[in-house]
N, C-alpha and C. Protein backbone atom coordinates (compact mmCIF):
# COMPACT_ATOMS: atom_id res chain seq x y z
N UNK A 1 0.84 -1.28 0.25
CA UNK A 1 -0.03 -0.02 0.06
C UNK A 1 0.96 1.15 0.06
N UNK A 2 0.63 2.12 -0.75
CA UNK A 2 1.36 3.43 -0.96
C UNK A 2 0.89 4.40 -0.02
N UNK A 3 1.64 4.88 0.58
CA UNK A 3 1.33 6.18 1.55
C UNK A 3 1.36 7.41 0.76
N UNK A 4 0.19 8.15 0.74
CA UNK A 4 0.10 9.54 0.06
C UNK A 4 0.99 10.51 1.05
N UNK A 5 1.60 11.39 0.04
CA UNK A 5 2.19 12.49 0.88
C UNK A 5 1.10 13.55 1.06
N UNK A 6 1.43 14.56 1.78
CA UNK A 6 0.43 15.69 1.92
C UNK A 6 -0.14 16.15 0.47
N UNK A 7 -1.22 16.27 0.24
CA UNK A 7 -1.74 16.90 -0.99
C UNK A 7 -2.90 17.68 -1.10
N UNK A 8 -3.15 18.24 -1.98
CA UNK A 8 -4.45 18.92 -2.28
C UNK A 8 -5.57 18.09 -3.11
N UNK A 9 -6.85 18.40 -2.93
CA UNK A 9 -7.70 17.61 -3.59
C UNK A 9 -7.55 17.47 -5.22
N UNK A 10 -7.05 18.47 -5.56
CA UNK A 10 -6.72 18.44 -7.16
C UNK A 10 -5.46 17.52 -7.51
N UNK A 11 -4.48 17.55 -6.67
CA UNK A 11 -3.44 16.48 -6.92
C UNK A 11 -3.90 15.03 -6.61
N UNK A 12 -4.77 14.91 -5.61
CA UNK A 12 -5.24 13.51 -5.43
C UNK A 12 -6.23 13.08 -6.62
N UNK A 13 -6.87 13.93 -7.12
CA UNK A 13 -7.54 13.75 -8.34
C UNK A 13 -6.82 13.39 -9.67
N UNK A 14 -5.71 14.07 -9.85
CA UNK A 14 -4.80 13.64 -10.88
C UNK A 14 -3.94 12.22 -10.64
N UNK A 15 -3.86 11.77 -9.39
CA UNK A 15 -3.42 10.58 -9.01
C UNK A 15 -4.26 9.53 -9.37
N UNK A 16 -5.68 9.66 -9.08
CA UNK A 16 -6.47 8.68 -9.29
C UNK A 16 -7.23 8.55 -10.63
N UNK A 17 -6.49 8.93 -11.62
CA UNK A 17 -7.22 9.24 -12.91
C UNK A 17 -7.61 7.71 -13.50
N UNK A 18 -6.57 7.12 -13.38
CA UNK A 18 -6.63 5.74 -14.05
C UNK A 18 -6.77 4.43 -13.29
N UNK A 19 -8.09 3.66 -13.75
CA UNK A 19 -8.22 2.42 -13.08
C UNK A 19 -8.91 2.63 -11.72
N UNK A 20 -8.95 1.83 -10.81
CA UNK A 20 -9.38 1.87 -9.43
C UNK A 20 -8.68 2.11 -8.43
N UNK A 21 -8.87 3.18 -7.61
CA UNK A 21 -7.98 3.46 -6.26
C UNK A 21 -9.01 3.31 -5.24
N UNK A 22 -8.08 2.88 -4.07
CA UNK A 22 -8.76 2.77 -2.78
C UNK A 22 -8.15 3.73 -1.82
N UNK A 23 -8.77 4.58 -1.35
CA UNK A 23 -8.08 5.51 -0.19
C UNK A 23 -8.56 4.92 1.25
N UNK A 24 -7.40 4.76 1.89
CA UNK A 24 -7.84 4.22 3.16
C UNK A 24 -7.42 5.29 4.19
N UNK A 25 -8.32 6.13 4.78
CA UNK A 25 -8.00 7.17 5.65
C UNK A 25 -7.69 6.40 7.32
N UNK A 26 -6.60 6.85 7.63
CA UNK A 26 -6.28 6.30 9.07
C UNK A 26 -5.71 7.26 9.75
N UNK A 27 -5.17 6.86 11.04
CA UNK A 27 -4.44 7.58 11.84
C UNK A 27 -3.64 6.95 12.87
N UNK A 28 -2.52 7.12 13.39
CA UNK A 28 -1.70 6.08 14.19
C UNK A 28 -2.28 6.04 15.62
N UNK A 29 -2.92 7.16 15.86
CA UNK A 29 -3.60 7.21 17.41
C UNK A 29 -5.02 6.61 17.52
N UNK A 30 -5.55 6.07 16.23
CA UNK A 30 -7.01 5.54 16.08
C UNK A 30 -6.93 4.06 16.37
N UNK A 31 -7.56 3.61 17.45
CA UNK A 31 -7.46 2.15 17.50
C UNK A 31 -8.38 1.19 16.83
N UNK A 32 -9.31 1.81 15.95
CA UNK A 32 -10.11 1.15 15.28
C UNK A 32 -9.50 1.03 13.92
N UNK A 33 -8.53 2.03 13.48
CA UNK A 33 -7.81 2.06 12.40
C UNK A 33 -6.84 0.85 12.66
N UNK A 34 -6.10 0.82 13.55
CA UNK A 34 -5.18 -0.15 13.90
C UNK A 34 -5.52 -1.41 14.14
N UNK A 35 -6.89 -1.77 14.40
CA UNK A 35 -7.68 -3.14 14.24
C UNK A 35 -7.91 -3.42 12.76
N UNK A 36 -8.09 -2.75 11.92
CA UNK A 36 -8.25 -3.21 10.65
C UNK A 36 -6.82 -3.00 9.82
N UNK A 37 -6.14 -2.58 10.05
CA UNK A 37 -4.63 -2.63 9.17
C UNK A 37 -3.89 -3.86 9.17
N UNK A 38 -3.95 -4.67 10.11
CA UNK A 38 -3.36 -6.13 9.75
C UNK A 38 -4.13 -6.74 8.88
N UNK A 39 -5.42 -6.37 8.52
CA UNK A 39 -6.14 -7.20 7.27
C UNK A 39 -5.86 -6.54 6.01
N UNK A 40 -5.29 -5.48 5.89
CA UNK A 40 -5.10 -4.67 4.76
C UNK A 40 -4.28 -5.28 3.63
N UNK A 41 -3.15 -6.11 3.90
CA UNK A 41 -2.66 -6.88 2.91
C UNK A 41 -3.42 -7.96 2.24
N UNK A 42 -4.22 -8.76 2.99
CA UNK A 42 -4.96 -9.79 2.52
C UNK A 42 -6.03 -8.92 1.55
N UNK A 43 -6.72 -7.92 1.94
CA UNK A 43 -7.63 -7.02 1.36
C UNK A 43 -7.22 -6.77 -0.12
N UNK A 44 -6.10 -6.11 -0.13
CA UNK A 44 -5.35 -5.86 -1.23
C UNK A 44 -5.05 -7.12 -2.08
N UNK A 45 -4.74 -8.14 -1.67
CA UNK A 45 -4.69 -9.39 -2.45
C UNK A 45 -5.71 -9.61 -3.00
N UNK A 46 -7.01 -9.78 -2.25
CA UNK A 46 -8.35 -10.17 -2.97
C UNK A 46 -8.75 -9.14 -3.73
N UNK A 47 -8.18 -7.78 -3.99
CA UNK A 47 -8.68 -6.75 -5.10
C UNK A 47 -7.50 -6.19 -5.46
N UNK A 48 -6.95 -7.28 -6.48
CA UNK A 48 -5.43 -6.89 -7.20
C UNK A 48 -5.84 -5.84 -8.31
N UNK A 49 -7.06 -5.57 -8.76
CA UNK A 49 -7.27 -4.82 -9.60
C UNK A 49 -7.32 -3.20 -9.21
N UNK A 50 -7.20 -3.03 -7.94
CA UNK A 50 -7.20 -1.71 -7.21
C UNK A 50 -5.76 -1.33 -6.88
N UNK A 51 -5.72 -0.14 -6.92
CA UNK A 51 -4.27 0.57 -6.19
C UNK A 51 -4.86 0.99 -4.94
N UNK A 52 -4.09 0.56 -3.85
CA UNK A 52 -4.48 1.07 -2.44
C UNK A 52 -3.56 2.04 -1.92
N UNK A 53 -3.97 3.23 -1.42
CA UNK A 53 -3.25 4.43 -0.81
C UNK A 53 -3.71 4.60 0.67
N UNK A 54 -2.79 4.83 1.35
CA UNK A 54 -3.00 4.90 2.87
C UNK A 54 -2.89 6.55 2.87
N UNK A 55 -3.74 7.06 3.74
CA UNK A 55 -3.98 8.33 3.76
C UNK A 55 -3.99 8.74 5.40
N UNK A 56 -2.84 9.42 5.95
CA UNK A 56 -2.84 9.61 7.27
C UNK A 56 -3.79 10.96 7.42
N UNK A 57 -4.71 10.72 7.99
CA UNK A 57 -5.57 11.76 8.23
C UNK A 57 -5.07 12.95 8.97
N UNK A 58 -4.29 12.99 9.71
CA UNK A 58 -3.70 14.04 10.64
C UNK A 58 -2.45 14.79 9.66
N UNK A 59 -1.96 14.14 8.69
CA UNK A 59 -1.05 14.95 7.79
C UNK A 59 -1.76 15.50 6.85
N UNK A 60 -2.92 14.91 6.33
CA UNK A 60 -3.67 15.21 5.23
C UNK A 60 -5.12 15.91 5.73
N UNK A 61 -5.12 16.69 6.90
CA UNK A 61 -6.41 16.94 7.36
C UNK A 61 -7.10 18.04 6.45
N UNK A 62 -6.43 18.63 5.75
CA UNK A 62 -7.44 19.49 4.65
C UNK A 62 -7.85 18.62 3.40
N UNK A 63 -7.22 17.69 3.20
CA UNK A 63 -7.70 16.69 2.07
C UNK A 63 -8.95 15.97 2.68
N UNK A 64 -8.81 15.56 3.88
CA UNK A 64 -9.72 15.03 4.58
C UNK A 64 -11.02 15.71 4.66
N UNK A 65 -10.84 17.00 4.90
CA UNK A 65 -12.00 17.83 5.13
C UNK A 65 -12.68 18.05 3.91
N UNK A 66 -11.76 18.34 2.72
CA UNK A 66 -12.33 18.60 1.61
C UNK A 66 -13.25 17.43 0.99
N UNK A 67 -12.76 16.21 1.34
CA UNK A 67 -13.51 15.16 1.02
C UNK A 67 -14.52 14.60 1.99
N UNK A 68 -14.94 15.50 2.86
CA UNK A 68 -15.80 15.28 4.14
C UNK A 68 -15.57 13.84 4.72
N UNK A 69 -14.15 13.73 5.11
CA UNK A 69 -13.84 12.50 5.84
C UNK A 69 -13.75 13.01 7.46
N UNK A 70 -14.70 12.80 8.12
CA UNK A 70 -14.64 13.32 9.52
C UNK A 70 -14.61 12.09 10.64
N UNK A 71 -14.63 10.78 10.18
CA UNK A 71 -14.51 9.54 11.04
C UNK A 71 -13.60 8.79 10.25
N UNK A 72 -12.84 8.14 11.19
CA UNK A 72 -11.84 6.99 10.49
C UNK A 72 -12.02 5.80 11.50
N UNK A 73 -11.46 4.63 10.87
CA UNK A 73 -10.94 4.38 9.58
C UNK A 73 -12.26 4.67 8.32
N UNK A 74 -11.71 5.19 7.31
CA UNK A 74 -12.50 5.31 6.21
C UNK A 74 -11.99 5.02 5.01
N UNK A 75 -12.95 4.66 3.94
CA UNK A 75 -12.59 4.14 2.67
C UNK A 75 -13.27 4.98 1.60
N UNK A 76 -12.65 5.62 0.64
CA UNK A 76 -12.96 6.05 -0.62
C UNK A 76 -12.51 5.55 -1.86
N UNK A 77 -13.47 5.11 -2.66
CA UNK A 77 -12.87 4.42 -3.96
C UNK A 77 -13.23 5.26 -5.12
N UNK A 78 -12.16 5.35 -6.05
CA UNK A 78 -12.41 6.15 -7.48
C UNK A 78 -11.91 5.19 -8.35
N UNK A 79 -12.86 5.37 -9.62
CA UNK A 79 -12.81 4.58 -10.74
C UNK A 79 -12.37 5.66 -11.98
N UNK A 80 -11.20 5.74 -12.49
CA UNK A 80 -10.94 6.61 -13.64
C UNK A 80 -11.43 7.98 -13.23
N UNK A 81 -10.93 8.51 -11.85
CA UNK A 81 -11.12 9.78 -11.59
C UNK A 81 -12.35 10.02 -10.94
N UNK A 82 -13.28 9.34 -11.05
CA UNK A 82 -14.75 9.60 -10.24
C UNK A 82 -15.02 8.61 -9.22
N UNK A 83 -15.50 9.46 -8.14
CA UNK A 83 -15.60 8.65 -6.75
C UNK A 83 -16.87 7.74 -7.27
N UNK A 84 -16.62 6.51 -6.69
CA UNK A 84 -17.66 5.64 -6.86
C UNK A 84 -18.40 4.97 -5.51
N UNK A 85 -17.77 5.15 -4.60
CA UNK A 85 -18.27 4.71 -3.13
C UNK A 85 -17.19 5.20 -2.18
N UNK A 86 -17.95 5.18 -0.83
CA UNK A 86 -17.33 5.57 0.33
C UNK A 86 -17.84 4.79 1.45
N UNK A 87 -17.07 4.10 2.25
CA UNK A 87 -17.34 3.61 3.52
C UNK A 87 -16.70 4.56 4.45
N UNK A 88 -17.54 5.24 4.90
CA UNK A 88 -16.89 6.50 5.76
C UNK A 88 -17.70 6.51 7.11
N UNK A 89 -17.07 6.26 8.28
CA UNK A 89 -17.90 6.20 9.73
C UNK A 89 -16.75 6.18 10.75
N UNK A 90 -16.86 6.63 11.73
CA UNK A 90 -16.02 6.44 12.81
C UNK A 90 -16.04 5.02 13.49
N UNK A 91 -16.84 4.10 12.99
CA UNK A 91 -17.03 2.89 13.50
C UNK A 91 -15.78 1.76 12.99
N UNK A 92 -15.73 0.81 13.99
CA UNK A 92 -14.74 -0.15 13.60
C UNK A 92 -15.22 -0.91 12.35
N UNK A 93 -14.24 -1.42 11.63
CA UNK A 93 -14.68 -2.17 10.43
C UNK A 93 -14.09 -3.40 10.58
N UNK A 94 -14.58 -4.44 9.95
CA UNK A 94 -13.96 -5.91 9.76
C UNK A 94 -13.47 -5.85 8.29
N UNK A 95 -12.81 -7.10 8.33
CA UNK A 95 -12.22 -7.28 7.04
C UNK A 95 -13.33 -7.94 6.10
N UNK A 96 -14.39 -8.44 6.61
CA UNK A 96 -15.43 -8.93 5.92
C UNK A 96 -16.17 -7.58 5.39
N UNK A 97 -16.50 -6.55 6.53
CA UNK A 97 -17.11 -5.36 5.82
C UNK A 97 -16.48 -4.80 4.86
N UNK A 98 -15.14 -4.65 4.85
CA UNK A 98 -14.39 -3.84 3.86
C UNK A 98 -14.42 -4.51 2.59
N UNK A 99 -14.40 -5.89 2.62
CA UNK A 99 -14.65 -6.78 1.46
C UNK A 99 -15.78 -6.68 0.64
N UNK A 100 -16.74 -6.92 1.66
CA UNK A 100 -18.29 -6.68 0.98
C UNK A 100 -18.54 -5.27 0.25
N UNK A 101 -17.92 -4.23 0.98
CA UNK A 101 -18.23 -3.09 0.42
C UNK A 101 -17.30 -2.75 -0.98
N UNK A 102 -16.23 -3.25 -1.16
CA UNK A 102 -15.51 -3.33 -2.20
C UNK A 102 -16.15 -4.20 -3.33
N UNK A 103 -16.62 -5.10 -2.95
CA UNK A 103 -17.10 -6.08 -3.92
C UNK A 103 -18.54 -5.54 -4.50
N UNK A 104 -19.28 -5.01 -3.58
CA UNK A 104 -20.60 -4.47 -3.93
C UNK A 104 -20.30 -3.28 -4.92
N UNK A 105 -19.05 -2.74 -5.04
CA UNK A 105 -19.18 -1.35 -5.92
C UNK A 105 -19.21 -1.90 -7.47
N UNK A 106 -19.83 -1.08 -8.09
CA UNK A 106 -19.89 -1.50 -9.69
C UNK A 106 -18.52 -1.41 -10.59
């Protein structure tokens, strides 16, 4: 999983122009984020058609606010530059919930 540097929304949109991109918003201090983090390599393996990006919410607070990400862990998915889905809340997420979300996207 590639960690995104600090960036603006327009920079992000240029990065997610081709194919499917999954943004994983997290923070080191977030216990629910740490709970799903060990499952992320398996999730990436199960969805090899997507490029996964880790977004540190604290480092990218402006980007998170621009994208209306106020709870973490959260996932936002882009297909060829267009947002096609989000799994955004402050609640803990299981590997199964994340995979079901990704599988249900068109």
